[in-house]
Amino acid sequence: MNPLKLVSVLMDYPQDEMWEHREELLAAAEDCGLAPSQRAALVSFVGDLLATDPLLAQDTWLGLFDRGRSMSLLLFEHIHGESRDRGQAMVDLLEAYRKHGFELAAKELPDYLPLVLEYLSHRPQHESVDWLQHVGHIVALLAARAAERRSPYAVLFGILVDIGAGKLDVRALRERASTEPRDDTPEAMDRLWEEEAVRFGVEAPGKDCKPTTRQVP
C-alpha cells in the first residue's frame, strides 16, 4: 500500500471498522515501501493501536486532535486561522482536487490532513513530495508537539516529514514545542470559549466543521 494512503487511514479518527481489518493493516505496514526503521516504527504503531480497546483509542484521538488548536489536522487553521484567506485557500484546494478527478463528500473539509494524504497517494511521487515540502513546517511542528505529549501519533508525522525531505530545523521546532503552553487543558479550553467571537454570515462555522472520517480500505 502507498505509505501516504496508509498514514491517511491511521491518522484519521479510528473507526470501529479498523479493528476488523487488523491483519490487512499490519500487512500493509510491513509492505509499504518505507525504510526499515520507519517500517518497524509503523508496524509497532499499528500493532499497539489495534491492541487498544476501540473506545479508548477513539478517546485518545479526540484528546490529541480535537481539543485546542495546536494539534488540529486542518492545515489551513495553522496558516490562516479564521481569516477570510482561509476560505479562498479552501476554494483553491478544491479546484486542485477536482482538476484531477478527486471529489469530496459534502461534509468533508479539503484541508483535513488525512484527506490531503489520500489525494496525494494517487498523485505522482514528485508531486506528493512537493506538496509535503510546502506544508512541511506544519507537519514537523505537529510531529514535535505530538512527541512532546508522548503521543504515538508522532511516528506518523515523522514519516511524513521524512517523505517530504524538506530542509527544516527540526531541533528548533522541538524546542518551540517544549516551551509552548498547552491549549488542551480544561483551563485553556475555558479561556478559548470565553474569547471566541460569535461569527455570522460567510464566516460562521457550519455544524459539520470538524474532522471527517475516512473509510478503511
C-alpha atoms as a PDB file:
ATOM      1  CA  MET A   1       0.000   0.000   0.000  1.00  0.00           C
ATOM      2  CA  ASN A   2       1.156   3.524  -0.746  1.00  0.00           C
ATOM      3  CA  PRO A   3       2.609   4.854   2.556  1.00  0.00           C
ATOM      4  CA  LEU A   4       0.643   8.116   2.247  1.00  0.00           C
ATOM      5  CA  LYS A   5      -2.613   6.182   1.928  1.00  0.00           C
ATOM      6  CA  LEU A   6      -1.720   4.062   4.950  1.00  0.00           C
ATOM      7  CA  VAL A   7      -0.762   7.084   7.063  1.00  0.00           C
ATOM      8  CA  SER A   8      -4.018   8.741   5.938  1.00  0.00           C
ATOM      9  CA  VAL A   9      -6.050   5.814   7.272  1.00  0.00           C
ATOM     10  CA  LEU A  10      -4.091   5.556  10.520  1.00  0.00           C
ATOM     11  CA  MET A  11      -4.110   9.292  11.240  1.00  0.00           C
ATOM     12  CA  ASP A  12      -7.846   9.571  10.788  1.00  0.00           C
ATOM     13  CA  TYR A  13     -10.354   9.031  13.598  1.00  0.00           C
ATOM     14  CA  PRO A  14     -10.132   5.308  14.442  1.00  0.00           C
ATOM     15  CA  GLN A  15     -13.489   3.920  13.406  1.00  0.00           C
ATOM     16  CA  ASP A  16     -14.624   0.532  14.711  1.00  0.00           C
ATOM     17  CA  GLU A  17     -14.136  -0.979  11.242  1.00  0.00           C
ATOM     18  CA  MET A  18     -10.387  -0.569  11.635  1.00  0.00           C
ATOM     19  CA  TRP A  19     -10.252  -3.468  14.098  1.00  0.00           C
ATOM     20  CA  GLU A  20     -12.000  -5.680  11.552  1.00  0.00           C
ATOM     21  CA  HIS A  21      -9.084  -5.096   9.156  1.00  0.00           C
ATOM     22  CA  ARG A  22      -6.284  -5.782  11.634  1.00  0.00           C
ATOM     23  CA  GLU A  23      -4.379  -8.311   9.509  1.00  0.00           C
ATOM     24  CA  GLU A  24      -4.700  -6.195   6.358  1.00  0.00           C
ATOM     25  CA  LEU A  25      -3.373  -3.100   8.116  1.00  0.00           C
ATOM     26  CA  LEU A  26      -0.441  -4.977   9.639  1.00  0.00           C
ATOM     27  CA  ALA A  27       0.378  -6.481   6.242  1.00  0.00           C
ATOM     28  CA  ALA A  28       0.167  -3.036   4.639  1.00  0.00           C
ATOM     29  CA  ALA A  29       2.534  -1.602   7.258  1.00  0.00           C
ATOM     30  CA  GLU A  30       5.009  -4.422   6.552  1.00  0.00           C
ATOM     31  CA  ASP A  31       4.866  -3.781   2.810  1.00  0.00           C
ATOM     32  CA  CYS A  32       4.611  -0.007   2.371  1.00  0.00           C
ATOM     33  CA  GLY A  33       7.984   0.768   0.831  1.00  0.00           C
ATOM     34  CA  LEU A  34       9.444   2.662   3.780  1.00  0.00           C
ATOM     35  CA  ALA A  35      12.974   2.434   5.142  1.00  0.00           C
ATOM     36  CA  PRO A  36      13.446  -0.416   7.669  1.00  0.00           C
ATOM     37  CA  SER A  37      13.455   1.839  10.739  1.00  0.00           C
ATOM     38  CA  GLN A  38      10.317   3.677   9.592  1.00  0.00           C
ATOM     39  CA  ARG A  39       8.611   0.413   8.706  1.00  0.00           C
ATOM     40  CA  ALA A  40       9.375  -1.057  12.120  1.00  0.00           C
ATOM     41  CA  ALA A  41       8.015   2.035  13.866  1.00  0.00           C
ATOM     42  CA  LEU A  42       4.876   1.941  11.727  1.00  0.00           C
ATOM     43  CA  VAL A  43       4.267  -1.763  12.359  1.00  0.00           C
ATOM     44  CA  SER A  44       4.660  -1.116  16.090  1.00  0.00           C
ATOM     45  CA  PHE A  45       2.205   1.783  15.901  1.00  0.00           C
ATOM     46  CA  VAL A  46      -0.403  -0.323  14.091  1.00  0.00           C
ATOM     47  CA  GLY A  47       0.040  -3.236  16.492  1.00  0.00           C
ATOM     48  CA  ASP A  48      -0.285  -1.032  19.571  1.00  0.00           C
ATOM     49  CA  LEU A  49      -3.291   0.832  18.161  1.00  0.00           C
ATOM     50  CA  LEU A  50      -5.190  -2.349  17.328  1.00  0.00           C
ATOM     51  CA  ALA A  51      -4.296  -3.902  20.691  1.00  0.00           C
ATOM     52  CA  THR A  52      -6.114  -0.978  22.335  1.00  0.00           C
ATOM     53  CA  ASP A  53      -9.826  -1.058  23.080  1.00  0.00           C
ATOM     54  CA  PRO A  54     -11.587   0.927  20.318  1.00  0.00           C
ATOM     55  CA  LEU A  55     -13.342   3.267  22.746  1.00  0.00           C
ATOM     56  CA  LEU A  56     -10.052   4.098  24.456  1.00  0.00           C
ATOM     57  CA  ALA A  57      -8.303   4.608  21.101  1.00  0.00           C
ATOM     58  CA  GLN A  58     -11.083   6.918  19.948  1.00  0.00           C
ATOM     59  CA  ASP A  59     -10.955   8.918  23.173  1.00  0.00           C
ATOM     60  CA  THR A  60      -7.173   9.219  22.843  1.00  0.00           C
ATOM     61  CA  TRP A  61      -7.551  10.515  19.272  1.00  0.00           C
ATOM     62  CA  LEU A  62     -10.110  13.106  20.347  1.00  0.00           C
ATOM     63  CA  GLY A  63      -7.927  14.183  23.253  1.00  0.00           C
ATOM     64  CA  LEU A  64      -4.997  14.799  20.937  1.00  0.00           C
ATOM     65  CA  PHE A  65      -6.573  16.270  17.813  1.00  0.00           C
ATOM     66  CA  ASP A  66      -9.939  17.651  18.849  1.00  0.00           C
ATOM     67  CA  ARG A  67      -9.051  19.724  21.928  1.00  0.00           C
ATOM     68  CA  GLY A  68      -7.346  23.018  21.318  1.00  0.00           C
ATOM     69  CA  ARG A  69      -5.929  24.170  18.006  1.00  0.00           C
ATOM     70  CA  SER A  70      -2.237  23.382  18.250  1.00  0.00           C
ATOM     71  CA  MET A  71      -2.745  19.757  17.106  1.00  0.00           C
ATOM     72  CA  SER A  72      -5.524  20.438  14.616  1.00  0.00           C
ATOM     73  CA  LEU A  73      -5.418  18.296  11.486  1.00  0.00           C
ATOM     74  CA  LEU A  74      -6.939  21.153   9.486  1.00  0.00           C
ATOM     75  CA  LEU A  75      -3.864  22.548   7.752  1.00  0.00           C
ATOM     76  CA  PHE A  76      -5.241  25.982   6.917  1.00  0.00           C
ATOM     77  CA  GLU A  77      -6.080  26.593  10.562  1.00  0.00           C
ATOM     78  CA  HIS A  78      -2.341  26.712  11.199  1.00  0.00           C
ATOM     79  CA  ILE A  79      -1.759  29.010   8.216  1.00  0.00           C
ATOM     80  CA  HIS A  80      -4.767  31.324   8.054  1.00  0.00           C
ATOM     81  CA  GLY A  81      -6.574  30.853  11.368  1.00  0.00           C
ATOM     82  CA  GLU A  82     -10.118  32.172  10.987  1.00  0.00           C
ATOM     83  CA  SER A  83      -9.277  34.847   8.406  1.00  0.00           C
ATOM     84  CA  ARG A  84     -11.066  35.187   5.069  1.00  0.00           C
ATOM     85  CA  ASP A  85      -7.893  33.981   3.352  1.00  0.00           C
ATOM     86  CA  ARG A  86      -8.723  30.515   4.624  1.00  0.00           C
ATOM     87  CA  GLY A  87     -11.927  30.463   2.569  1.00  0.00           C
ATOM     88  CA  GLN A  88     -10.106  31.278  -0.655  1.00  0.00           C
ATOM     89  CA  ALA A  89      -7.432  28.705   0.138  1.00  0.00           C
ATOM     90  CA  MET A  90     -10.205  26.117   0.550  1.00  0.00           C
ATOM     91  CA  VAL A  91     -11.635  27.038  -2.845  1.00  0.00           C
ATOM     92  CA  ASP A  92      -8.216  26.770  -4.499  1.00  0.00           C
ATOM     93  CA  LEU A  93      -7.586  23.372  -2.907  1.00  0.00           C
ATOM     94  CA  LEU A  94     -10.985  22.073  -4.004  1.00  0.00           C
ATOM     95  CA  GLU A  95     -10.195  23.174  -7.549  1.00  0.00           C
ATOM     96  CA  ALA A  96      -6.900  21.288  -7.426  1.00  0.00           C
ATOM     97  CA  TYR A  97      -8.760  18.160  -6.303  1.00  0.00           C
ATOM     98  CA  ARG A  98     -11.430  18.422  -8.982  1.00  0.00           C
ATOM     99  CA  LYS A  99      -8.857  19.071 -11.683  1.00  0.00           C
ATOM    100  CA  HIS A 100      -7.588  15.544 -11.077  1.00  0.00           C
ATOM    101  CA  GLY A 101     -11.000  13.905 -10.599  1.00  0.00           C
ATOM    102  CA  PHE A 102     -10.900  13.803  -6.795  1.00  0.00           C
ATOM    103  CA  GLU A 103     -14.393  14.652  -5.498  1.00  0.00           C
ATOM    104  CA  LEU A 104     -15.202  15.281  -1.852  1.00  0.00           C
ATOM    105  CA  ALA A 105     -18.339  14.386   0.056  1.00  0.00           C
ATOM    106  CA  ALA A 106     -20.477  17.341   1.106  1.00  0.00           C
ATOM    107  CA  LYS A 107     -19.241  17.325   4.710  1.00  0.00           C
ATOM    108  CA  GLU A 108     -15.515  16.973   4.040  1.00  0.00           C
ATOM    109  CA  LEU A 109     -13.136  19.871   4.624  1.00  0.00           C
ATOM    110  CA  PRO A 110     -10.442  19.887   1.925  1.00  0.00           C
ATOM    111  CA  ASP A 111      -7.573  20.871   4.239  1.00  0.00           C
ATOM    112  CA  TYR A 112      -8.086  17.896   6.597  1.00  0.00           C
ATOM    113  CA  LEU A 113      -4.648  16.291   6.594  1.00  0.00           C
ATOM    114  CA  PRO A 114      -5.753  12.637   6.228  1.00  0.00           C
ATOM    115  CA  LEU A 115      -7.833  13.715   3.220  1.00  0.00           C
ATOM    116  CA  VAL A 116      -4.898  15.609   1.703  1.00  0.00           C
ATOM    117  CA  LEU A 117      -2.753  12.498   2.124  1.00  0.00           C
ATOM    118  CA  GLU A 118      -5.360  10.301   0.463  1.00  0.00           C
ATOM    119  CA  TYR A 119      -5.362  12.662  -2.506  1.00  0.00           C
ATOM    120  CA  LEU A 120      -1.569  12.708  -2.674  1.00  0.00           C
ATOM    121  CA  SER A 121      -1.441   8.918  -2.590  1.00  0.00           C
ATOM    122  CA  HIS A 122      -2.993   8.993  -6.069  1.00  0.00           C
ATOM    123  CA  ARG A 123      -0.585  11.577  -7.462  1.00  0.00           C
ATOM    124  CA  PRO A 124       2.946  11.052  -8.896  1.00  0.00           C
ATOM    125  CA  GLN A 125       5.663  10.778  -6.265  1.00  0.00           C
ATOM    126  CA  HIS A 126       7.407  14.024  -7.224  1.00  0.00           C
ATOM    127  CA  GLU A 127       4.124  15.898  -6.849  1.00  0.00           C
ATOM    128  CA  SER A 128       3.282  14.393  -3.453  1.00  0.00           C
ATOM    129  CA  VAL A 129       6.785  15.175  -2.190  1.00  0.00           C
ATOM    130  CA  ASP A 130       6.429  18.769  -3.407  1.00  0.00           C
ATOM    131  CA  TRP A 131       3.123  19.141  -1.566  1.00  0.00           C
ATOM    132  CA  LEU A 132       4.595  17.724   1.635  1.00  0.00           C
ATOM    133  CA  GLN A 133       7.510  20.119   1.401  1.00  0.00           C
ATOM    134  CA  HIS A 134       5.090  23.043   1.133  1.00  0.00           C
ATOM    135  CA  VAL A 135       3.346  22.040   4.370  1.00  0.00           C
ATOM    136  CA  GLY A 136       6.491  20.565   5.913  1.00  0.00           C
ATOM    137  CA  HIS A 137       6.836  23.251   8.585  1.00  0.00           C
ATOM    138  CA  ILE A 138       3.301  22.498   9.825  1.00  0.00           C
ATOM    139  CA  VAL A 139       3.755  18.729   9.761  1.00  0.00           C
ATOM    140  CA  ALA A 140       7.133  18.956  11.506  1.00  0.00           C
ATOM    141  CA  LEU A 141       5.680  21.178  14.221  1.00  0.00           C
ATOM    142  CA  LEU A 142       2.812  18.730  14.713  1.00  0.00           C
ATOM    143  CA  ALA A 143       5.412  15.965  14.964  1.00  0.00           C
ATOM    144  CA  ALA A 144       7.304  17.931  17.621  1.00  0.00           C
ATOM    145  CA  ARG A 145       4.136  18.689  19.569  1.00  0.00           C
ATOM    146  CA  ALA A 146       2.994  15.064  19.423  1.00  0.00           C
ATOM    147  CA  ALA A 147       6.409  13.923  20.647  1.00  0.00           C
ATOM    148  CA  GLU A 148       6.306  16.488  23.451  1.00  0.00           C
ATOM    149  CA  ARG A 149       2.995  14.981  24.548  1.00  0.00           C
ATOM    150  CA  ARG A 150       4.497  11.483  24.253  1.00  0.00           C
ATOM    151  CA  SER A 151       1.848  10.546  21.723  1.00  0.00           C
ATOM    152  CA  PRO A 152       2.454   7.517  19.490  1.00  0.00           C
ATOM    153  CA  TYR A 153       0.998   9.571  16.619  1.00  0.00           C
ATOM    154  CA  ALA A 154       4.351  11.342  16.465  1.00  0.00           C
ATOM    155  CA  VAL A 155       5.506   8.338  14.404  1.00  0.00           C
ATOM    156  CA  LEU A 156       3.044   9.145  11.619  1.00  0.00           C
ATOM    157  CA  PHE A 157       4.040  12.803  11.430  1.00  0.00           C
ATOM    158  CA  GLY A 158       7.703  11.814  11.455  1.00  0.00           C
ATOM    159  CA  ILE A 159       7.151   9.579   8.439  1.00  0.00           C
ATOM    160  CA  LEU A 160       5.555  12.479   6.548  1.00  0.00           C
ATOM    161  CA  VAL A 161       8.480  14.746   7.418  1.00  0.00           C
ATOM    162  CA  ASP A 162      10.906  12.140   6.086  1.00  0.00           C
ATOM    163  CA  ILE A 163       8.923  11.619   2.876  1.00  0.00           C
ATOM    164  CA  GLY A 164       8.872  15.388   2.296  1.00  0.00           C
ATOM    165  CA  ALA A 165      12.619  15.548   2.836  1.00  0.00           C
ATOM    166  CA  GLY A 166      12.447  19.306   3.241  1.00  0.00           C
ATOM    167  CA  LYS A 167      15.137  21.496   4.781  1.00  0.00           C
ATOM    168  CA  LEU A 168      13.648  22.069   8.216  1.00  0.00           C
ATOM    169  CA  ASP A 169      15.260  22.962  11.501  1.00  0.00           C
ATOM    170  CA  VAL A 170      13.631  20.113  13.388  1.00  0.00           C
ATOM    171  CA  ARG A 171      15.607  20.852  16.552  1.00  0.00           C
ATOM    172  CA  ALA A 172      14.261  24.407  16.678  1.00  0.00           C
ATOM    173  CA  LEU A 173      10.713  23.148  16.229  1.00  0.00           C
ATOM    174  CA  ARG A 174      11.167  20.675  19.074  1.00  0.00           C
ATOM    175  CA  GLU A 175      12.488  23.430  21.317  1.00  0.00           C
ATOM    176  CA  ARG A 176       9.489  25.570  20.409  1.00  0.00           C
ATOM    177  CA  ALA A 177       7.081  22.721  21.177  1.00  0.00           C
ATOM    178  CA  SER A 178       8.729  22.126  24.542  1.00  0.00           C
ATOM    179  CA  THR A 179       8.111  25.725  25.651  1.00  0.00           C
ATOM    180  CA  GLU A 180       4.606  26.241  24.260  1.00  0.00           C
ATOM    181  CA  PRO A 181       1.739  26.460  26.756  1.00  0.00           C
ATOM    182  CA  ARG A 182      -0.716  23.596  26.363  1.00  0.00           C
ATOM    183  CA  ASP A 183      -4.035  24.581  24.801  1.00  0.00           C
ATOM    184  CA  ASP A 184      -5.859  21.326  25.535  1.00  0.00           C
ATOM    185  CA  THR A 185      -6.223  21.718  29.309  1.00  0.00           C
ATOM    186  CA  PRO A 186      -9.653  22.487  30.823  1.00  0.00           C
ATOM    187  CA  GLU A 187      -8.413  25.954  31.775  1.00  0.00           C
ATOM    188  CA  ALA A 188      -7.175  26.686  28.256  1.00  0.00           C
ATOM    189  CA  MET A 189     -10.404  25.407  26.732  1.00  0.00           C
ATOM    190  CA  ASP A 190     -12.438  27.636  29.053  1.00  0.00           C
ATOM    191  CA  ARG A 191     -10.394  30.671  28.022  1.00  0.00           C
ATOM    192  CA  LEU A 192     -10.894  29.812  24.365  1.00  0.00           C
ATOM    193  CA  TRP A 193     -14.651  29.677  24.749  1.00  0.00           C
ATOM    194  CA  GLU A 194     -14.639  32.999  26.582  1.00  0.00           C
ATOM    195  CA  GLU A 195     -12.501  34.718  23.933  1.00  0.00           C
ATOM    196  CA  GLU A 196     -14.096  33.184  20.818  1.00  0.00           C
ATOM    197  CA  ALA A 197     -16.154  35.793  18.988  1.00  0.00           C
ATOM    198  CA  VAL A 198     -19.546  34.896  17.560  1.00  0.00           C
ATOM    199  CA  ARG A 199     -19.370  34.960  13.753  1.00  0.00           C
ATOM    200  CA  PHE A 200     -22.238  35.305  11.309  1.00  0.00           C
ATOM    201  CA  GLY A 201     -22.656  35.104   7.557  1.00  0.00           C
ATOM    202  CA  VAL A 202     -19.912  33.568   5.473  1.00  0.00           C
ATOM    203  CA  GLU A 203     -17.558  33.425   8.450  1.00  0.00           C
ATOM    204  CA  ALA A 204     -19.962  31.392  10.574  1.00  0.00           C
ATOM    205  CA  PRO A 205     -18.891  27.770  11.049  1.00  0.00           C
ATOM    206  CA  GLY A 206     -21.363  25.127   9.954  1.00  0.00           C
ATOM    207  CA  LYS A 207     -22.497  22.263  12.124  1.00  0.00           C
ATOM    208  CA  ASP A 208     -20.211  19.921  10.225  1.00  0.00           C
ATOM    209  CA  CYS A 209     -16.984  21.901  10.680  1.00  0.00           C
ATOM    210  CA  LYS A 210     -14.988  19.195  12.369  1.00  0.00           C
ATOM    211  CA  PRO A 211     -12.673  16.472  11.082  1.00  0.00           C
ATOM    212  CA  THR A 212     -14.437  13.931   8.920  1.00  0.00           C
ATOM    213  CA  THR A 213     -13.640  10.262   8.843  1.00  0.00           C
ATOM    214  CA  ARG A 214     -12.163   8.112   6.111  1.00  0.00           C
ATOM    215  CA  GLN A 215     -13.104   4.547   5.369  1.00  0.00           C
ATOM    216  CA  VAL A 216     -10.637   1.742   5.945  1.00  0.00           C
ATOM    217  CA  PRO A 217      -9.849   0.206   2.532  1.00  0.00           C
END
